[in-house]
Amino acid sequence: MSEQTSIPADPELDPTASYATDQTVIRRLSGLLRATAGTRTSYAPATGQPIADLPVSSEDDVIRAVRVARKTQQTWRRVPLAERAAILLRYHDLVLDHRHELVDLIIRESGKARKQAFEELAHVALTARYYGRKAQELLEPQRKLGIFPVLTRAEERFVPKGVVGIISPWNYPLTMAISDGLPAILAGNTVVHKPDSQTPLTALRAIELLYEAGLPRDAWLAVNGDGPTVGGALIQNADYICFTGSTRTGRLVAKQCGERLIGCSLELGGKNPMLVLRDADINRAAEGAIRACFANAGQLCVSMERLYVADQVYDAFVTAFVDRVKKIRLSAGTGWDVDMGSLISKAQLETVTRHVEDARSQGATVLAGGKPRPDIGPLFYEPTVLSGVTPAMECFDNETFGPVVSIYRFSDESEAIQRANEGEYGLNASVWSRDGRRGRAVAAQLMAGTVNVNEGYGATFGSIDTPMGGMRSSGLGRRQGVEGIRRYVEPQAIATQRLIPIAASHGLSDEKFAELMTGALRVLKKIGRP
């Protein structure tokens, strides 16, 4: 080794020479993990600086965590629903009180801009408040119609599934980690959670705040490590799995859950289209497209990767949009003035670079961006707009999951709707029109689980009372709304029969009972009973 390379790195000159996070905090959060299989170092994507050396879980650690959570669940399920709801409402306030700390952690671990990090925090607060306020409506036993009026009392109850395994992604390390689990614990389940190993600290701090809100410590346990080992063990032992990630991995999760006959909800990939109709407000649509395409550097499952623009406004829209794209402020900073941050990993940067270079080499035109920016940070890539993209190009129908969008012209709205519906995905879509009714009519024809009119993703993402999820290869099940909590329970029917049995009795023959039953059914229909 040369004399030069043996000199210790200077933290003032080399950001990788020191940790990005107070190690006292790291030691405290590390203590929340059920992990005994060594350590793994995580790094800040924007700078390459090490963040933490965190313990890694083994399969046995996961099995033990599930065992503890299952024992705790037997007590937790008997806690009155009002008390469980109160924890969520206290959590709402704690998240807002600690907003600066949580946003700083999100930025450090994911590399995203502060404005997008705050979106996560707001979404967690919205979710906690929604389920905290709606608990009784969504989970209390509900009276149902019996076979006979008065004589049959029927009700539906909601039984918690048990231990919910949550496997959350790196791209939204706070809200995708926590918001899916809040309705699970409200419903009387316990949680064993595997946050992505690139962004575990944000999830751990958020879990710590749940304990502060009053959740028993063994009701939400965390494990850490790679997907095949830790995620696989969780799937083999939990009673239900909530997974957010790629379609490829989601298929494996679904297969493994199917083999065990346990349920799962999966939010997977997307190649989301945005339609700019001929009567759209051009400036508003261009500004909305900036957020829709480049929030979190395009690393958002519901971000737009395809723009379809009507002939009548195409040139004006492209001019307005490209002009705004070129003004996007890229930075490794943590202030509110940053528009777009870093990609998460070298692999993600390689995918983005490959998609753009493949398109360029086959004749696509780069209208803006088109190159990495190592001068800003190791994993930065310019927001990129492509035209002339054809089916032969890799980015045409494959999810890039980065700051790359392709723009297409259309002359007929039915053609645009058909093109937007092509491909295997159906997660999110966007329609822009000055006429809200017309926009909604087009939206209703799009094969996507969520469609936003005059917004990219925020309207549906922030409307917690509406379901959110994908059609086709974009997933199974829904988060948010009634579907977001009912996925975590087993519906149970209890019916009580009064006075007479539903069978021949009191000397009636079976034939006579059948005749009386036939008459009763006709009467019930005549009086309008369902």
Protein backbone atom coordinates (compact mmCIF):
# COMPACT_ATOMS: atom_id res chain seq x y z
CA MET A 1 0.00 0.00 0.00
CA SER A 2 1.36 3.42 -0.95
CA GLU A 3 1.99 6.13 1.64
CA GLN A 4 -0.78 8.23 0.09
CA THR A 5 -3.49 5.58 0.37
CA SER A 6 -2.53 4.74 3.96
CA ILE A 7 -3.32 8.27 5.20
CA PRO A 8 -6.70 8.34 7.03
CA ALA A 9 -9.45 10.10 5.11
CA ASP A 10 -10.26 13.65 6.16
CA PRO A 11 -14.01 14.05 6.93
CA GLU A 12 -13.85 17.68 5.81
CA LEU A 13 -12.74 16.59 2.33
CA ASP A 14 -14.24 13.10 2.02
CA PRO A 15 -17.90 12.66 3.07
CA THR A 16 -17.42 8.88 3.30
CA ALA A 17 -14.89 9.27 6.10
CA SER A 18 -17.49 9.79 8.84
CA TYR A 19 -21.03 8.69 9.66
CA ALA A 20 -23.95 10.86 8.60
CA THR A 21 -25.98 10.15 11.73
CA ASP A 22 -25.37 10.49 15.46
CA GLN A 23 -24.26 7.04 16.53
CA THR A 24 -26.01 7.42 19.88
CA VAL A 25 -29.27 7.55 17.95
CA ILE A 26 -28.19 4.59 15.84
CA ARG A 27 -27.49 2.46 18.90
CA ARG A 28 -30.89 3.30 20.37
CA LEU A 29 -32.77 2.46 17.16
CA SER A 30 -30.70 -0.67 16.60
CA GLY A 31 -32.06 -1.97 19.86
CA LEU A 32 -35.51 -2.18 18.30
CA LEU A 33 -34.41 -4.80 15.78
CA ARG A 34 -34.75 -8.54 16.34
CA ALA A 35 -31.40 -9.34 14.77
CA THR A 36 -28.42 -11.55 15.64
CA ALA A 37 -26.77 -12.34 12.29
CA GLY A 38 -24.00 -9.75 11.99
CA THR A 39 -24.22 -6.18 10.71
CA ARG A 40 -24.71 -4.33 7.44
CA THR A 41 -23.73 -0.74 6.59
CA SER A 42 -26.24 1.61 4.99
CA TYR A 43 -25.20 4.68 2.99
CA ALA A 44 -26.66 8.07 2.12
CA PRO A 45 -27.38 7.90 -1.63
CA ALA A 46 -26.97 11.64 -2.18
CA THR A 47 -23.40 11.75 -0.85
CA GLY A 48 -22.18 8.16 -0.43
CA GLN A 49 -21.61 8.85 3.29
CA PRO A 50 -22.12 5.87 5.62
CA ILE A 51 -25.19 6.20 7.81
CA ALA A 52 -25.18 3.23 10.13
CA ASP A 53 -23.96 -0.28 10.82
CA LEU A 54 -27.16 -2.09 11.69
CA PRO A 55 -27.69 -5.65 12.91
CA VAL A 56 -29.08 -8.17 10.42
CA SER A 57 -31.75 -10.74 11.18
CA SER A 58 -31.59 -14.46 10.56
CA GLU A 59 -34.48 -16.77 9.72
CA ASP A 60 -34.58 -17.82 13.37
CA ASP A 61 -34.82 -14.16 14.42
CA VAL A 62 -37.90 -13.78 12.21
CA ILE A 63 -39.47 -16.95 13.56
CA ARG A 64 -38.93 -15.79 17.14
CA ALA A 65 -40.33 -12.34 16.34
CA VAL A 66 -43.48 -13.86 14.87
CA ARG A 67 -43.83 -16.10 17.90
CA VAL A 68 -43.63 -13.11 20.26
CA ALA A 69 -46.03 -11.09 18.12
CA ARG A 70 -48.52 -13.97 18.04
CA LYS A 71 -48.50 -14.27 21.81
CA THR A 72 -48.94 -10.51 22.18
CA GLN A 73 -51.80 -10.50 19.70
CA GLN A 74 -53.92 -12.66 21.99
CA THR A 75 -53.90 -9.82 24.52
CA TRP A 76 -53.87 -6.93 22.07
CA ARG A 77 -57.01 -8.09 20.26
CA ARG A 78 -58.95 -7.81 23.52
CA VAL A 79 -57.97 -4.16 24.07
CA PRO A 80 -61.12 -2.09 23.48
CA LEU A 81 -61.36 -0.64 20.00
CA ALA A 82 -61.64 2.89 21.40
CA GLU A 83 -58.30 2.51 23.18
CA ARG A 84 -56.61 1.24 20.04
CA ALA A 85 -58.05 4.17 18.07
CA ALA A 86 -56.80 6.62 20.70
CA ILE A 87 -53.25 5.39 20.10
CA LEU A 88 -53.54 6.27 16.41
CA LEU A 89 -54.84 9.74 17.22
CA ARG A 90 -51.95 10.35 19.65
CA TYR A 91 -49.60 9.07 16.98
CA HIS A 92 -50.99 11.64 14.53
CA ASP A 93 -49.82 14.41 16.85
CA LEU A 94 -46.45 12.81 17.60
CA VAL A 95 -45.63 12.49 13.90
CA LEU A 96 -46.41 16.16 13.35
CA ASP A 97 -44.47 17.16 16.47
CA HIS A 98 -41.39 15.28 15.23
CA ARG A 99 -41.79 16.29 11.59
CA HIS A 100 -38.37 17.90 11.19
CA GLU A 101 -36.52 14.91 12.62
CA LEU A 102 -38.49 12.42 10.50
CA VAL A 103 -38.09 14.44 7.32
CA ASP A 104 -34.34 14.71 7.92
CA LEU A 105 -34.12 10.93 8.29
CA ILE A 106 -36.10 10.37 5.10
CA ILE A 107 -33.80 12.71 3.16
CA ARG A 108 -30.67 11.12 4.57
CA GLU A 109 -31.71 7.56 3.82
CA SER A 110 -33.53 8.01 0.49
CA GLY A 111 -31.84 11.07 -1.03
CA LYS A 112 -35.16 12.69 -1.95
CA ALA A 113 -35.99 16.38 -1.86
CA ARG A 114 -37.46 17.83 1.32
CA LYS A 115 -40.80 18.74 -0.26
CA GLN A 116 -41.37 15.10 -1.25
CA ALA A 117 -40.19 13.86 2.15
CA PHE A 118 -42.84 16.03 3.78
CA GLU A 119 -45.51 14.38 1.61
CA GLU A 120 -44.72 11.12 3.38
CA LEU A 121 -45.12 12.64 6.80
CA ALA A 122 -48.45 14.24 5.86
CA HIS A 123 -49.70 10.94 4.46
CA VAL A 124 -48.90 9.09 7.70
CA ALA A 125 -50.73 11.74 9.73
CA LEU A 126 -53.74 11.62 7.40
CA THR A 127 -53.84 7.81 7.66
CA ALA A 128 -53.59 7.78 11.45
CA ARG A 129 -56.35 10.35 11.81
CA TYR A 130 -58.65 8.67 9.28
CA TYR A 131 -58.52 5.23 10.87
CA GLY A 132 -58.51 6.64 14.38
CA ARG A 133 -61.73 8.54 13.67
CA LYS A 134 -63.41 5.82 11.57
CA ALA A 135 -62.57 2.86 13.81
CA GLN A 136 -66.05 2.20 15.12
CA GLU A 137 -67.72 2.58 11.73
CA LEU A 138 -65.26 0.20 10.07
CA LEU A 139 -64.81 -2.47 12.76
CA GLU A 140 -67.82 -2.61 15.08
CA PRO A 141 -70.20 -5.57 14.44
CA GLN A 142 -72.75 -4.73 11.76
CA ARG A 143 -76.38 -5.87 11.64
CA LYS A 144 -77.33 -7.70 8.45
CA LEU A 145 -80.60 -8.90 6.97
CA GLY A 146 -81.71 -12.28 8.31
CA ILE A 147 -83.57 -14.87 6.30
CA PHE A 148 -86.83 -13.90 8.06
CA PRO A 149 -87.65 -10.44 9.40
CA VAL A 150 -87.75 -10.33 13.23
CA LEU A 151 -87.30 -14.10 13.48
CA THR A 152 -83.66 -14.12 12.33
CA ARG A 153 -81.02 -11.79 13.73
CA ALA A 154 -77.82 -11.73 11.65
CA GLU A 155 -74.64 -9.78 12.15
CA GLU A 156 -71.15 -9.54 10.69
CA ARG A 157 -68.13 -9.37 12.95
CA PHE A 158 -64.50 -8.72 12.06
CA VAL A 159 -61.91 -11.08 13.47
CA PRO A 160 -58.23 -10.04 13.26
CA LYS A 161 -56.08 -12.36 11.16
CA GLY A 162 -53.26 -12.55 13.72
CA VAL A 163 -49.71 -11.55 12.81
CA VAL A 164 -49.40 -9.29 9.77
CA GLY A 165 -46.06 -9.32 7.96
CA ILE A 166 -45.21 -6.01 6.29
CA ILE A 167 -42.44 -5.81 3.69
CA SER A 168 -41.98 -2.15 2.83
CA PRO A 169 -39.85 -0.45 0.13
CA TRP A 170 -37.04 2.10 0.13
CA ASN A 171 -38.64 4.75 -2.06
CA TYR A 172 -41.14 5.99 0.57
CA PRO A 173 -39.46 4.76 3.76
CA LEU A 174 -41.87 6.43 6.20
CA THR A 175 -45.37 6.16 4.81
CA MET A 176 -45.01 2.83 3.03
CA ALA A 177 -43.52 1.46 6.23
CA ILE A 178 -46.14 2.79 8.63
CA SER A 179 -49.41 3.62 6.86
CA ASP A 180 -50.12 0.00 5.92
CA GLY A 181 -49.55 -1.14 9.49
CA LEU A 182 -51.79 1.39 11.27
CA PRO A 183 -55.08 -0.23 10.17
CA ALA A 184 -53.59 -3.65 10.90
CA ILE A 185 -52.97 -2.86 14.57
CA LEU A 186 -56.26 -0.98 14.87
CA ALA A 187 -58.03 -4.15 13.72
CA GLY A 188 -56.42 -6.12 16.56
CA ASN A 189 -53.49 -7.67 14.73
CA THR A 190 -49.83 -7.41 15.63
CA VAL A 191 -47.11 -6.62 13.08
CA VAL A 192 -43.70 -8.01 12.20
CA HIS A 193 -42.11 -5.55 9.82
CA LYS A 194 -39.19 -5.80 7.41
CA PRO A 195 -38.34 -2.31 6.14
CA ASP A 196 -36.03 -2.19 3.15
CA SER A 197 -32.42 -2.65 4.26
CA GLN A 198 -31.43 0.57 2.45
CA THR A 199 -33.78 2.72 4.56
CA PRO A 200 -34.42 1.07 7.96
CA LEU A 201 -33.79 4.01 10.30
CA THR A 202 -36.82 6.04 9.23
CA ALA A 203 -39.09 3.07 9.91
CA LEU A 204 -37.43 2.35 13.27
CA ARG A 205 -37.86 5.92 14.49
CA ALA A 206 -41.50 5.87 13.38
CA ILE A 207 -42.04 2.59 15.26
CA GLU A 208 -40.43 4.12 18.33
CA LEU A 209 -43.00 6.92 18.19
CA LEU A 210 -45.77 4.31 18.05
CA TYR A 211 -44.51 2.95 21.36
CA GLU A 212 -44.54 6.47 22.72
CA ALA A 213 -48.17 6.79 21.59
CA GLY A 214 -49.04 3.77 23.72
CA LEU A 215 -48.64 0.73 21.47
CA PRO A 216 -47.19 -2.28 23.35
CA ARG A 217 -43.60 -2.83 22.28
CA ASP A 218 -44.21 -6.41 21.18
CA ALA A 219 -47.22 -5.44 19.06
CA TRP A 220 -44.97 -4.08 16.27
CA LEU A 221 -41.60 -5.77 15.88
CA ALA A 222 -38.91 -5.03 13.31
CA VAL A 223 -36.45 -7.30 11.52
CA ASN A 224 -33.73 -6.32 9.06
CA GLY A 225 -32.02 -7.98 6.11
CA ASP A 226 -32.36 -9.11 2.52
CA GLY A 227 -35.61 -10.10 0.89
CA PRO A 228 -34.99 -13.78 0.15
CA THR A 229 -33.83 -14.59 3.69
CA VAL A 230 -35.77 -12.27 5.99
CA GLY A 231 -38.76 -11.61 3.73
CA GLY A 232 -39.01 -15.29 2.86
CA ALA A 233 -39.04 -16.30 6.52
CA LEU A 234 -41.72 -13.70 7.23
CA ILE A 235 -43.94 -15.04 4.43
CA GLN A 236 -43.54 -18.57 5.78
CA ASN A 237 -44.60 -17.64 9.31
CA ALA A 238 -46.98 -14.65 9.32
CA ASP A 239 -50.77 -14.92 8.91
CA TYR A 240 -51.05 -12.22 6.23
CA ILE A 241 -48.51 -10.37 4.06
CA CYS A 242 -48.59 -6.75 2.92
CA PHE A 243 -45.91 -6.17 0.25
CA THR A 244 -44.97 -3.10 -1.77
CA GLY A 245 -42.34 -3.53 -4.47
CA SER A 246 -41.67 -4.78 -7.98
CA THR A 247 -44.08 -6.90 -9.99
CA ARG A 248 -41.44 -9.59 -10.39
CA THR A 249 -40.99 -9.97 -6.64
CA GLY A 250 -44.72 -9.57 -6.06
CA ARG A 251 -45.43 -12.65 -8.17
CA LEU A 252 -43.08 -14.67 -5.95
CA VAL A 253 -44.75 -13.32 -2.80
CA ALA A 254 -48.19 -14.22 -4.15
CA LYS A 255 -47.04 -17.71 -5.04
CA GLN A 256 -45.57 -18.34 -1.60
CA CYS A 257 -48.68 -16.97 0.14
CA GLY A 258 -50.88 -19.10 -2.09
CA GLU A 259 -48.99 -22.23 -1.11
CA ARG A 260 -49.76 -21.48 2.54
CA LEU A 261 -53.35 -20.35 1.81
CA ILE A 262 -52.79 -17.00 3.51
CA GLY A 263 -53.91 -13.68 2.13
CA CYS A 264 -51.73 -10.91 0.75
CA SER A 265 -52.01 -7.41 -0.62
CA LEU A 266 -49.49 -6.33 -3.21
CA GLU A 267 -48.79 -2.88 -4.62
CA LEU A 268 -46.47 -3.46 -7.55
CA GLY A 269 -45.10 -1.73 -10.63
CA GLY A 270 -46.60 0.75 -13.05
CA LYS A 271 -45.98 2.45 -16.37
CA ASN A 272 -48.39 5.24 -15.63
CA PRO A 273 -49.96 7.40 -18.38
CA MET A 274 -50.95 11.05 -18.28
CA LEU A 275 -53.41 12.39 -20.87
CA VAL A 276 -53.42 16.10 -21.73
CA LEU A 277 -56.69 16.74 -23.56
CA ARG A 278 -57.21 19.46 -26.14
CA ASP A 279 -59.00 21.74 -23.65
CA ALA A 280 -56.39 21.42 -20.89
CA ASP A 281 -54.91 24.46 -19.17
CA ILE A 282 -51.41 24.18 -20.65
CA ASN A 283 -49.45 25.90 -17.91
CA ARG A 284 -51.30 24.09 -15.16
CA ALA A 285 -50.82 20.75 -16.92
CA ALA A 286 -47.11 21.39 -17.51
CA GLU A 287 -46.57 22.32 -13.88
CA GLY A 288 -48.54 19.28 -12.74
CA ALA A 289 -46.50 17.03 -15.01
CA ILE A 290 -43.29 18.21 -13.34
CA ARG A 291 -44.54 16.92 -10.00
CA ALA A 292 -46.14 13.83 -11.52
CA CYS A 293 -43.02 12.74 -13.41
CA PHE A 294 -40.11 13.83 -11.24
CA ALA A 295 -41.20 13.66 -7.61
CA ASN A 296 -38.60 11.58 -5.76
CA ALA A 297 -36.58 11.48 -9.00
CA GLY A 298 -39.34 9.40 -10.58
CA GLN A 299 -38.90 6.66 -7.97
CA LEU A 300 -42.58 6.58 -7.12
CA CYS A 301 -44.87 3.73 -8.05
CA VAL A 302 -47.62 6.15 -9.14
CA SER A 303 -45.41 8.62 -11.04
CA MET A 304 -46.01 9.31 -14.74
CA GLU A 305 -43.71 7.74 -17.34
CA ARG A 306 -45.90 8.28 -20.44
CA LEU A 307 -47.39 11.61 -21.55
CA TYR A 308 -50.06 11.59 -24.27
CA VAL A 309 -50.81 15.10 -25.54
CA ALA A 310 -53.55 16.21 -27.96
CA ASP A 311 -52.50 17.59 -31.34
CA GLN A 312 -54.18 20.92 -30.65
CA VAL A 313 -51.98 21.68 -27.64
CA TYR A 314 -48.95 19.45 -28.25
CA ASP A 315 -46.43 22.09 -29.31
CA ALA A 316 -47.47 24.57 -26.63
CA PHE A 317 -47.43 21.90 -23.92
CA VAL A 318 -44.03 20.51 -24.92
CA THR A 319 -42.53 24.00 -24.90
CA ALA A 320 -43.99 24.80 -21.49
CA PHE A 321 -43.08 21.42 -20.01
CA VAL A 322 -39.52 21.19 -21.33
CA ASP A 323 -38.83 24.76 -20.22
CA ARG A 324 -39.86 23.83 -16.68
CA VAL A 325 -37.87 20.58 -16.75
CA LYS A 326 -34.70 22.46 -17.60
CA LYS A 327 -35.24 24.69 -14.56
CA ILE A 328 -35.57 21.82 -12.05
CA ARG A 329 -33.05 22.33 -9.26
CA LEU A 330 -31.01 19.20 -8.52
CA SER A 331 -29.08 19.13 -5.27
CA ALA A 332 -27.77 16.96 -2.46
CA GLY A 333 -28.91 19.67 -0.06
CA THR A 334 -31.66 19.28 2.51
CA GLY A 335 -33.49 22.60 2.13
CA TRP A 336 -36.87 23.48 0.70
CA ASP A 337 -35.22 24.97 -2.38
CA VAL A 338 -34.30 21.53 -3.78
CA ASP A 339 -36.66 20.28 -6.50
CA MET A 340 -35.18 16.83 -7.13
CA GLY A 341 -32.78 14.66 -5.22
CA SER A 342 -30.79 11.52 -5.83
CA LEU A 343 -31.54 8.06 -7.11
CA ILE A 344 -31.30 5.41 -4.40
CA SER A 345 -28.60 3.05 -5.70
CA LYS A 346 -26.08 2.26 -8.37
CA ALA A 347 -28.46 -0.35 -9.78
CA GLN A 348 -31.18 2.26 -10.17
CA LEU A 349 -28.78 4.66 -11.88
CA GLU A 350 -27.70 1.91 -14.26
CA THR A 351 -31.31 1.15 -15.20
CA VAL A 352 -32.09 4.79 -15.92
CA THR A 353 -28.90 5.24 -17.95
CA ARG A 354 -29.55 2.06 -19.93
CA HIS A 355 -33.12 3.05 -20.81
CA VAL A 356 -32.10 6.50 -22.01
CA GLU A 357 -29.06 5.33 -24.00
CA ASP A 358 -31.07 2.51 -25.61
CA ALA A 359 -33.76 4.98 -26.69
CA ARG A 360 -31.20 7.50 -27.94
CA SER A 361 -29.31 4.86 -29.93
CA GLN A 362 -32.52 3.80 -31.69
CA GLY A 363 -33.51 7.29 -32.75
CA ALA A 364 -35.40 8.84 -29.85
CA THR A 365 -34.88 12.57 -29.29
CA VAL A 366 -33.76 13.86 -25.91
CA LEU A 367 -35.72 17.07 -25.35
CA ALA A 368 -34.23 17.67 -21.90
CA GLY A 369 -31.74 16.01 -19.59
CA GLY A 370 -30.30 12.70 -20.69
CA LYS A 371 -27.19 12.28 -18.60
CA PRO A 372 -25.96 11.45 -15.08
CA ARG A 373 -24.68 14.23 -12.83
CA PRO A 374 -21.78 12.94 -10.73
CA ASP A 375 -20.76 16.54 -10.12
CA ILE A 376 -23.78 16.82 -7.79
CA GLY A 377 -23.61 13.39 -6.20
CA PRO A 378 -22.75 9.80 -7.10
CA LEU A 379 -26.30 8.75 -8.02
CA PHE A 380 -27.84 11.86 -9.60
CA TYR A 381 -29.43 11.80 -13.06
CA GLU A 382 -30.99 14.72 -14.89
CA PRO A 383 -34.77 14.84 -15.32
CA THR A 384 -35.19 13.57 -18.87
CA VAL A 385 -37.86 14.00 -21.53
CA LEU A 386 -37.86 11.77 -24.61
CA SER A 387 -39.84 11.98 -27.85
CA GLY A 388 -39.95 9.51 -30.71
CA VAL A 389 -39.97 6.49 -28.40
CA THR A 390 -41.06 3.31 -30.21
CA PRO A 391 -42.07 -0.18 -29.06
CA ALA A 392 -38.59 -1.44 -29.95
CA MET A 393 -37.08 0.65 -27.15
CA GLU A 394 -36.69 -0.71 -23.64
CA CYS A 395 -38.32 2.29 -21.96
CA PHE A 396 -41.48 2.02 -24.09
CA ASP A 397 -43.36 -0.42 -21.87
CA ASN A 398 -40.87 -1.34 -19.13
CA GLU A 399 -40.99 0.59 -15.89
CA THR A 400 -37.92 2.83 -15.57
CA PHE A 401 -38.61 3.96 -12.01
CA GLY A 402 -36.49 7.02 -12.51
CA PRO A 403 -36.62 10.61 -13.85
CA VAL A 404 -37.47 9.65 -17.43
CA VAL A 405 -40.71 10.35 -19.29
CA SER A 406 -41.67 9.71 -22.91
CA ILE A 407 -44.03 12.12 -24.69
CA TYR A 408 -46.43 11.15 -27.49
CA ARG A 409 -48.85 13.06 -29.74
CA PHE A 410 -52.44 11.91 -30.29
CA SER A 411 -55.24 13.16 -32.55
CA ASP A 412 -58.20 11.18 -31.22
CA GLU A 413 -59.14 10.73 -27.56
CA SER A 414 -60.31 7.15 -28.05
CA GLU A 415 -56.88 6.39 -29.52
CA ALA A 416 -55.19 8.01 -26.52
CA ILE A 417 -57.32 5.99 -24.10
CA GLN A 418 -56.48 2.79 -25.98
CA ARG A 419 -52.75 3.56 -25.92
CA ALA A 420 -52.87 4.48 -22.23
CA ASN A 421 -54.49 1.11 -21.48
CA GLU A 422 -51.87 -0.89 -23.37
CA GLY A 423 -49.32 -2.97 -21.52
CA GLU A 424 -49.54 -5.16 -18.44
CA TYR A 425 -49.77 -2.46 -15.77
CA GLY A 426 -52.69 -0.55 -14.31
CA LEU A 427 -51.66 1.34 -11.20
CA ASN A 428 -52.22 5.09 -11.67
CA ALA A 429 -53.21 7.51 -14.43
CA SER A 430 -53.82 11.22 -14.88
CA VAL A 431 -56.18 13.26 -17.08
CA TRP A 432 -56.02 17.02 -17.68
CA SER A 433 -59.00 19.04 -18.91
CA ARG A 434 -60.64 22.37 -18.07
CA ASP A 435 -63.96 20.49 -17.95
CA GLY A 436 -64.00 18.34 -14.81
CA ARG A 437 -66.97 16.27 -15.99
CA ARG A 438 -65.24 15.50 -19.28
CA GLY A 439 -62.03 14.66 -17.46
CA ARG A 440 -63.86 12.23 -15.19
CA ALA A 441 -65.57 10.59 -18.18
CA VAL A 442 -62.17 9.90 -19.76
CA ALA A 443 -60.76 8.78 -16.39
CA ALA A 444 -63.52 6.18 -16.05
CA GLN A 445 -62.28 4.50 -19.25
CA LEU A 446 -58.72 4.03 -18.02
CA MET A 447 -57.69 0.65 -16.63
CA ALA A 448 -55.93 1.87 -13.51
CA GLY A 449 -56.65 1.50 -9.82
CA THR A 450 -56.40 5.25 -9.27
CA VAL A 451 -56.98 8.05 -11.77
CA ASN A 452 -56.41 11.72 -10.96
CA VAL A 453 -58.08 14.55 -12.86
CA ASN A 454 -56.00 17.74 -13.05
CA GLU A 455 -53.44 16.22 -10.67
CA GLY A 456 -50.73 13.63 -11.06
CA TYR A 457 -51.07 11.43 -8.00
CA GLY A 458 -51.72 13.58 -4.92
CA ALA A 459 -55.53 13.73 -5.13
CA THR A 460 -56.03 9.97 -4.79
CA PHE A 461 -52.91 9.40 -2.66
CA GLY A 462 -54.10 11.93 -0.10
CA SER A 463 -57.79 10.93 -0.13
CA ILE A 464 -57.54 8.24 2.54
CA ASP A 465 -61.26 7.41 2.28
CA THR A 466 -60.70 6.08 -1.26
CA PRO A 467 -58.98 2.77 -2.07
CA MET A 468 -55.52 2.77 -3.60
CA GLY A 469 -53.99 -0.12 -5.52
CA GLY A 470 -53.41 -1.62 -8.93
CA MET A 471 -55.23 -3.53 -11.64
CA ARG A 472 -53.69 -6.28 -13.73
CA SER A 473 -49.95 -6.76 -13.04
CA SER A 474 -49.84 -3.72 -10.78
CA GLY A 475 -51.05 -5.64 -7.77
CA LEU A 476 -53.71 -7.26 -5.62
CA GLY A 477 -55.89 -5.68 -2.95
CA ARG A 478 -56.07 -2.09 -1.82
CA ARG A 479 -54.65 0.17 0.86
CA GLN A 480 -56.68 3.07 2.32
CA GLY A 481 -60.42 3.33 2.90
CA VAL A 482 -62.57 0.45 4.08
CA GLU A 483 -60.63 -2.01 1.89
CA GLY A 484 -57.39 -0.95 3.56
CA ILE A 485 -58.51 -2.25 6.95
CA ARG A 486 -60.85 -5.08 5.99
CA ARG A 487 -57.95 -6.90 4.32
CA TYR A 488 -56.60 -7.52 7.82
CA VAL A 489 -59.72 -9.20 9.22
CA GLU A 490 -61.72 -12.34 8.66
CA PRO A 491 -65.43 -11.55 8.28
CA GLN A 492 -67.47 -13.75 10.60
CA ALA A 493 -71.24 -14.23 10.33
CA ILE A 494 -73.28 -14.88 13.48
CA ALA A 495 -77.01 -15.47 13.13
CA THR A 496 -79.58 -16.18 15.85
CA GLN A 497 -82.88 -17.85 15.00
CA ARG A 498 -85.96 -17.09 17.13
CA LEU A 499 -89.21 -19.00 17.77
CA ILE A 500 -89.22 -21.37 14.79
CA PRO A 501 -86.48 -23.36 13.08
CA ILE A 502 -85.73 -23.05 9.39
CA ALA A 503 -87.05 -26.54 8.77
CA ALA A 504 -90.25 -28.55 8.96
CA SER A 505 -91.58 -28.55 12.54
CA HIS A 506 -94.74 -28.61 14.65
CA GLY A 507 -96.15 -31.49 12.64
CA LEU A 508 -95.51 -29.97 9.22
CA SER A 509 -94.27 -32.33 6.54
CA ASP A 510 -91.22 -31.39 4.53
CA GLU A 511 -93.47 -30.95 1.48
CA LYS A 512 -95.81 -28.58 3.34
CA PHE A 513 -92.84 -26.63 4.74
CA ALA A 514 -91.49 -26.21 1.20
CA GLU A 515 -94.86 -24.81 0.06
CA LEU A 516 -95.01 -22.36 2.96
CA MET A 517 -91.40 -21.33 2.30
CA THR A 518 -92.23 -20.72 -1.36
CA GLY A 519 -95.11 -18.46 -0.39
CA ALA A 520 -92.98 -16.57 2.13
CA LEU A 521 -90.28 -15.94 -0.47
CA ARG A 522 -92.88 -14.52 -2.86
CA VAL A 523 -94.23 -12.21 -0.17
CA LEU A 524 -90.76 -10.96 0.79
CA LYS A 525 -90.06 -10.12 -2.85
CA LYS A 526 -93.40 -8.34 -3.21
CA ILE A 527 -92.76 -6.09 -0.21
CA GLY A 528 -89.35 -5.13 -1.61
CA ARG A 529 -87.05 -7.02 0.74
CA PRO A 530 -83.59 -7.73 -0.76
